[in-house]
């Protein structure tokens, strides 16, 4: 072995060390790449999970709202019957012969009102002399106010208003003074 062989022997371990370092760098790079991929997948999973949770909350809220107002169409179709009962009760005379009729009609009316209230229907209370608010009342007509105190206020309630839960299904129809 000559001088040349000794130089080659010395150089070879350096080459091997460089190759080993390169392999270690590649291994670290692969590990780092895998860690990055894992972090990305975790992020995607967390976002998807949060989106799904929001979806569940939204659909649950919509379902509850639907159940609350599912009977709205039925309630709207029953409201004219309530109006007819109220008109009938006002027009049944207060004599001995009509007293029994009035009691019977009143009994049926109260039973119907109680049943509808159990289902979430409630009257909107409006009285003569209340201040007119276009957001809460529907003005049917305006008439000259009998006195200055009733200007811009409700003079008469033509038709009652009703709410189903928190939602107004029919605004009260009123006559206002001008």
C-alpha atoms as a PDB file:
ATOM      1  CA  UNK A   1       0.000   0.000   0.000  1.00  0.00           C
ATOM      2  CA  UNK A   2       1.372   3.186  -1.076  1.00  0.00           C
ATOM      3  CA  UNK A   3       0.785   6.694  -0.181  1.00  0.00           C
ATOM      4  CA  UNK A   4      -2.108   6.841  -2.533  1.00  0.00           C
ATOM      5  CA  UNK A   5      -3.896   4.013  -0.747  1.00  0.00           C
ATOM      6  CA  UNK A   6      -3.573   5.726   2.602  1.00  0.00           C
ATOM      7  CA  UNK A   7      -5.136   8.895   1.211  1.00  0.00           C
ATOM      8  CA  UNK A   8      -7.997   6.870  -0.170  1.00  0.00           C
ATOM      9  CA  UNK A   9      -8.560   5.197   3.171  1.00  0.00           C
ATOM     10  CA  UNK A  10      -8.668   8.529   4.877  1.00  0.00           C
ATOM     11  CA  UNK A  11     -11.061   9.935   2.325  1.00  0.00           C
ATOM     12  CA  UNK A  12     -13.429   7.005   2.416  1.00  0.00           C
ATOM     13  CA  UNK A  13     -14.438   7.427   6.047  1.00  0.00           C
ATOM     14  CA  UNK A  14     -15.165  11.077   5.331  1.00  0.00           C
ATOM     15  CA  UNK A  15     -17.409  10.097   2.445  1.00  0.00           C
ATOM     16  CA  UNK A  16     -19.186   7.576   4.621  1.00  0.00           C
ATOM     17  CA  UNK A  17     -19.695  10.180   7.319  1.00  0.00           C
ATOM     18  CA  UNK A  18     -21.151  12.595   4.766  1.00  0.00           C
ATOM     19  CA  UNK A  19     -23.486   9.889   3.463  1.00  0.00           C
ATOM     20  CA  UNK A  20     -24.531   9.059   7.027  1.00  0.00           C
ATOM     21  CA  UNK A  21     -25.224  12.742   7.740  1.00  0.00           C
ATOM     22  CA  UNK A  22     -27.247  12.989   4.514  1.00  0.00           C
ATOM     23  CA  UNK A  23     -29.283   9.927   5.504  1.00  0.00           C
ATOM     24  CA  UNK A  24     -29.871  11.407   8.970  1.00  0.00           C
ATOM     25  CA  UNK A  25     -30.926  14.711   7.401  1.00  0.00           C
ATOM     26  CA  UNK A  26     -33.322  12.862   5.093  1.00  0.00           C
ATOM     27  CA  UNK A  27     -34.697  10.926   8.069  1.00  0.00           C
ATOM     28  CA  UNK A  28     -35.255  14.142   9.988  1.00  0.00           C
ATOM     29  CA  UNK A  29     -36.833  15.693   6.947  1.00  0.00           C
ATOM     30  CA  UNK A  30     -39.146  12.701   6.554  1.00  0.00           C
ATOM     31  CA  UNK A  31     -40.001  12.838  10.255  1.00  0.00           C
ATOM     32  CA  UNK A  32     -40.600  16.561  10.064  1.00  0.00           C
ATOM     33  CA  UNK A  33     -42.720  16.046   6.952  1.00  0.00           C
ATOM     34  CA  UNK A  34     -44.752  13.402   8.720  1.00  0.00           C
ATOM     35  CA  UNK A  35     -45.221  15.672  11.723  1.00  0.00           C
ATOM     36  CA  UNK A  36     -46.375  18.488   9.436  1.00  0.00           C
ATOM     37  CA  UNK A  37     -48.786  16.131   7.692  1.00  0.00           C
ATOM     38  CA  UNK A  38     -50.088  14.960  11.067  1.00  0.00           C
ATOM     39  CA  UNK A  39     -50.584  18.556  12.216  1.00  0.00           C
ATOM     40  CA  UNK A  40     -52.445  19.373   8.978  1.00  0.00           C
ATOM     41  CA  UNK A  41     -54.703  16.347   9.353  1.00  0.00           C
ATOM     42  CA  UNK A  42     -55.408  17.214  12.993  1.00  0.00           C
ATOM     43  CA  UNK A  43     -56.330  20.754  11.929  1.00  0.00           C
ATOM     44  CA  UNK A  44     -58.630  19.437   9.187  1.00  0.00           C
ATOM     45  CA  UNK A  45     -60.229  17.054  11.669  1.00  0.00           C
ATOM     46  CA  UNK A  46     -60.807  19.788  14.260  1.00  0.00           C
ATOM     47  CA  UNK A  47     -62.337  22.112  11.657  1.00  0.00           C
ATOM     48  CA  UNK A  48     -64.587  19.358  10.344  1.00  0.00           C
ATOM     49  CA  UNK A  49     -65.603  18.430  13.885  1.00  0.00           C
ATOM     50  CA  UNK A  50     -66.413  22.061  14.737  1.00  0.00           C
ATOM     51  CA  UNK A  51     -68.398  22.423  11.508  1.00  0.00           C
ATOM     52  CA  UNK A  52     -70.371  19.289  12.330  1.00  0.00           C
ATOM     53  CA  UNK A  53     -71.104  20.533  15.867  1.00  0.00           C
ATOM     54  CA  UNK A  54     -72.365  23.842  14.441  1.00  0.00           C
ATOM     55  CA  UNK A  55     -74.531  21.902  11.973  1.00  0.00           C
ATOM     56  CA  UNK A  56     -76.045  19.859  14.808  1.00  0.00           C
ATOM     57  CA  UNK A  57     -76.799  22.968  16.850  1.00  0.00           C
ATOM     58  CA  UNK A  58     -78.338  24.744  13.858  1.00  0.00           C
ATOM     59  CA  UNK A  59     -80.561  21.817  12.874  1.00  0.00           C
ATOM     60  CA  UNK A  60     -81.663  21.317  16.477  1.00  0.00           C
ATOM     61  CA  UNK A  61     -82.603  24.983  16.726  1.00  0.00           C
ATOM     62  CA  UNK A  62     -84.469  24.823  13.405  1.00  0.00           C
ATOM     63  CA  UNK A  63     -86.313  21.689  14.506  1.00  0.00           C
ATOM     64  CA  UNK A  64     -87.419  23.293  17.775  1.00  0.00           C
ATOM     65  CA  UNK A  65     -88.588  26.382  15.863  1.00  0.00           C
ATOM     66  CA  UNK A  66     -90.460  24.168  13.400  1.00  0.00           C
ATOM     67  CA  UNK A  67     -92.252  22.327  16.204  1.00  0.00           C
ATOM     68  CA  UNK A  68     -93.224  25.632  17.803  1.00  0.00           C
ATOM     69  CA  UNK A  69     -94.750  26.997  14.616  1.00  0.00           C
ATOM     70  CA  UNK A  70     -95.854  23.755  12.937  1.00  0.00           C
ATOM     71  CA  UNK A  71     -99.411  24.361  14.018  1.00  0.00           C
ATOM     72  CA  UNK A  72     -99.442  27.940  12.732  1.00  0.00           C
ATOM     73  CA  UNK A  73    -101.594  27.109   9.687  1.00  0.00           C
ATOM     74  CA  UNK A  74    -104.128  25.278  11.855  1.00  0.00           C
ATOM     75  CA  UNK A  75    -104.221  28.149  14.336  1.00  0.00           C
ATOM     76  CA  UNK A  76    -104.736  30.696  11.555  1.00  0.00           C
ATOM     77  CA  UNK A  77    -107.682  28.699  10.222  1.00  0.00           C
ATOM     78  CA  UNK A  78    -109.250  28.453  13.712  1.00  0.00           C
ATOM     79  CA  UNK A  79    -108.983  32.188  14.488  1.00  0.00           C
ATOM     80  CA  UNK A  80    -112.123  33.112  12.474  1.00  0.00           C
ATOM     81  CA  UNK A  81    -114.047  30.560  14.545  1.00  0.00           C
ATOM     82  CA  UNK A  82    -112.880  32.312  17.719  1.00  0.00           C
ATOM     83  CA  UNK A  83    -113.990  35.623  16.246  1.00  0.00           C
ATOM     84  CA  UNK A  84    -117.419  34.155  15.476  1.00  0.00           C
ATOM     85  CA  UNK A  85    -117.745  32.866  19.039  1.00  0.00           C
ATOM     86  CA  UNK A  86    -116.908  36.309  20.423  1.00  0.00           C
ATOM     87  CA  UNK A  87    -119.467  37.974  18.137  1.00  0.00           C
ATOM     88  CA  UNK A  88    -122.093  35.385  19.069  1.00  0.00           C
ATOM     89  CA  UNK A  89    -121.476  35.938  22.778  1.00  0.00           C
ATOM     90  CA  UNK A  90    -121.870  39.698  22.345  1.00  0.00           C
ATOM     91  CA  UNK A  91    -125.165  39.335  20.465  1.00  0.00           C
ATOM     92  CA  UNK A  92    -126.915  36.713  22.572  1.00  0.00           C
ATOM     93  CA  UNK A  93    -129.447  38.644  24.552  1.00  0.00           C
ATOM     94  CA  UNK A  94    -129.416  38.653  28.308  1.00  0.00           C
ATOM     95  CA  UNK A  95    -132.955  37.359  28.889  1.00  0.00           C
ATOM     96  CA  UNK A  96    -134.091  34.190  30.657  1.00  0.00           C
ATOM     97  CA  UNK A  97    -134.620  32.159  27.489  1.00  0.00           C
ATOM     98  CA  UNK A  98    -131.198  32.981  26.010  1.00  0.00           C
ATOM     99  CA  UNK A  99    -129.346  32.549  29.299  1.00  0.00           C
ATOM    100  CA  UNK A 100    -128.934  28.792  28.814  1.00  0.00           C
ATOM    101  CA  UNK A 101    -127.822  29.306  25.218  1.00  0.00           C
ATOM    102  CA  UNK A 102    -125.270  31.892  26.340  1.00  0.00           C
ATOM    103  CA  UNK A 103    -123.915  29.529  29.028  1.00  0.00           C
ATOM    104  CA  UNK A 104    -123.519  26.720  26.483  1.00  0.00           C
ATOM    105  CA  UNK A 105    -121.785  28.903  23.910  1.00  0.00           C
ATOM    106  CA  UNK A 106    -119.548  30.395  26.606  1.00  0.00           C
ATOM    107  CA  UNK A 107    -118.625  26.913  27.852  1.00  0.00           C
ATOM    108  CA  UNK A 108    -117.601  25.772  24.355  1.00  0.00           C
ATOM    109  CA  UNK A 109    -115.736  29.036  23.718  1.00  0.00           C
ATOM    110  CA  UNK A 110    -113.764  28.748  26.977  1.00  0.00           C
ATOM    111  CA  UNK A 111    -112.897  25.127  26.274  1.00  0.00           C
ATOM    112  CA  UNK A 112    -111.633  26.031  22.789  1.00  0.00           C
ATOM    113  CA  UNK A 113    -109.601  28.964  24.149  1.00  0.00           C
ATOM    114  CA  UNK A 114    -108.064  26.780  26.879  1.00  0.00           C
ATOM    115  CA  UNK A 115    -107.098  24.086  24.384  1.00  0.00           C
ATOM    116  CA  UNK A 116    -105.507  26.583  22.011  1.00  0.00           C
ATOM    117  CA  UNK A 117    -103.639  28.286  24.858  1.00  0.00           C
ATOM    118  CA  UNK A 118    -102.171  24.917  25.843  1.00  0.00           C
ATOM    119  CA  UNK A 119    -100.833  24.669  22.287  1.00  0.00           C
ATOM    120  CA  UNK A 120     -99.124  28.055  22.598  1.00  0.00           C
ATOM    121  CA  UNK A 121    -101.727  30.524  21.336  1.00  0.00           C
ATOM    122  CA  UNK A 122    -102.128  33.744  23.301  1.00  0.00           C
ATOM    123  CA  UNK A 123    -104.134  36.926  22.824  1.00  0.00           C
ATOM    124  CA  UNK A 124    -102.415  40.235  22.234  1.00  0.00           C
ATOM    125  CA  UNK A 125    -103.980  42.608  24.738  1.00  0.00           C
ATOM    126  CA  UNK A 126    -105.101  45.873  23.149  1.00  0.00           C
ATOM    127  CA  UNK A 127    -107.440  48.300  24.883  1.00  0.00           C
ATOM    128  CA  UNK A 128    -109.225  51.467  23.924  1.00  0.00           C
ATOM    129  CA  UNK A 129    -106.974  54.435  24.630  1.00  0.00           C
ATOM    130  CA  UNK A 130    -103.687  52.591  24.045  1.00  0.00           C
ATOM    131  CA  UNK A 131    -101.140  54.391  21.905  1.00  0.00           C
ATOM    132  CA  UNK A 132    -101.149  53.205  18.276  1.00  0.00           C
ATOM    133  CA  UNK A 133     -97.900  51.574  17.166  1.00  0.00           C
ATOM    134  CA  UNK A 134     -97.624  50.548  13.500  1.00  0.00           C
ATOM    135  CA  UNK A 135     -95.216  47.729  14.444  1.00  0.00           C
ATOM    136  CA  UNK A 136     -97.731  46.144  16.828  1.00  0.00           C
ATOM    137  CA  UNK A 137    -101.132  47.055  15.365  1.00  0.00           C
ATOM    138  CA  UNK A 138    -102.847  47.073  11.997  1.00  0.00           C
ATOM    139  CA  UNK A 139    -104.904  50.215  11.416  1.00  0.00           C
ATOM    140  CA  UNK A 140    -108.135  49.446   9.599  1.00  0.00           C
ATOM    141  CA  UNK A 141    -109.354  53.044   9.477  1.00  0.00           C
ATOM    142  CA  UNK A 142    -109.001  56.458  11.043  1.00  0.00           C
ATOM    143  CA  UNK A 143    -111.898  58.479  12.382  1.00  0.00           C
ATOM    144  CA  UNK A 144    -112.053  61.907  13.989  1.00  0.00           C
ATOM    145  CA  UNK A 145    -111.177  61.547  17.650  1.00  0.00           C
ATOM    146  CA  UNK A 146    -114.109  62.186  20.026  1.00  0.00           C
ATOM    147  CA  UNK A 147    -111.759  64.256  22.203  1.00  0.00           C
ATOM    148  CA  UNK A 148    -108.169  65.482  22.067  1.00  0.00           C
ATOM    149  CA  UNK A 149    -106.968  62.759  24.448  1.00  0.00           C
ATOM    150  CA  UNK A 150    -107.676  60.020  21.861  1.00  0.00           C
ATOM    151  CA  UNK A 151    -105.723  61.551  18.952  1.00  0.00           C
ATOM    152  CA  UNK A 152    -103.210  58.978  17.703  1.00  0.00           C
ATOM    153  CA  UNK A 153    -104.636  56.393  20.065  1.00  0.00           C
ATOM    154  CA  UNK A 154    -106.773  53.310  19.604  1.00  0.00           C
ATOM    155  CA  UNK A 155    -110.495  54.036  19.637  1.00  0.00           C
ATOM    156  CA  UNK A 156    -111.842  50.559  18.873  1.00  0.00           C
ATOM    157  CA  UNK A 157    -110.509  47.017  18.374  1.00  0.00           C
ATOM    158  CA  UNK A 158    -112.108  45.457  15.286  1.00  0.00           C
ATOM    159  CA  UNK A 159    -110.322  42.107  15.478  1.00  0.00           C
ATOM    160  CA  UNK A 160    -108.103  40.650  18.194  1.00  0.00           C
ATOM    161  CA  UNK A 161    -104.479  39.822  17.551  1.00  0.00           C
ATOM    162  CA  UNK A 162    -102.845  36.518  18.459  1.00  0.00           C
ATOM    163  CA  UNK A 163     -99.368  35.166  19.073  1.00  0.00           C
ATOM    164  CA  UNK A 164     -98.161  31.590  18.697  1.00  0.00           C
ATOM    165  CA  UNK A 165     -95.302  31.321  21.144  1.00  0.00           C
ATOM    166  CA  UNK A 166     -93.276  34.489  20.563  1.00  0.00           C
ATOM    167  CA  UNK A 167     -94.353  34.938  16.947  1.00  0.00           C
ATOM    168  CA  UNK A 168     -97.279  37.180  16.031  1.00  0.00           C
ATOM    169  CA  UNK A 169     -99.572  35.247  13.684  1.00  0.00           C
ATOM    170  CA  UNK A 170    -102.242  37.938  13.426  1.00  0.00           C
ATOM    171  CA  UNK A 171    -101.888  41.592  14.329  1.00  0.00           C
ATOM    172  CA  UNK A 172    -104.812  43.278  16.092  1.00  0.00           C
ATOM    173  CA  UNK A 173    -106.936  45.344  13.705  1.00  0.00           C
ATOM    174  CA  UNK A 174    -107.797  48.670  15.243  1.00  0.00           C
ATOM    175  CA  UNK A 175    -109.529  51.981  14.549  1.00  0.00           C
ATOM    176  CA  UNK A 176    -107.453  55.016  15.482  1.00  0.00           C
ATOM    177  CA  UNK A 177    -108.371  58.616  16.147  1.00  0.00           C
ATOM    178  CA  UNK A 178    -106.956  61.500  14.189  1.00  0.00           C
END
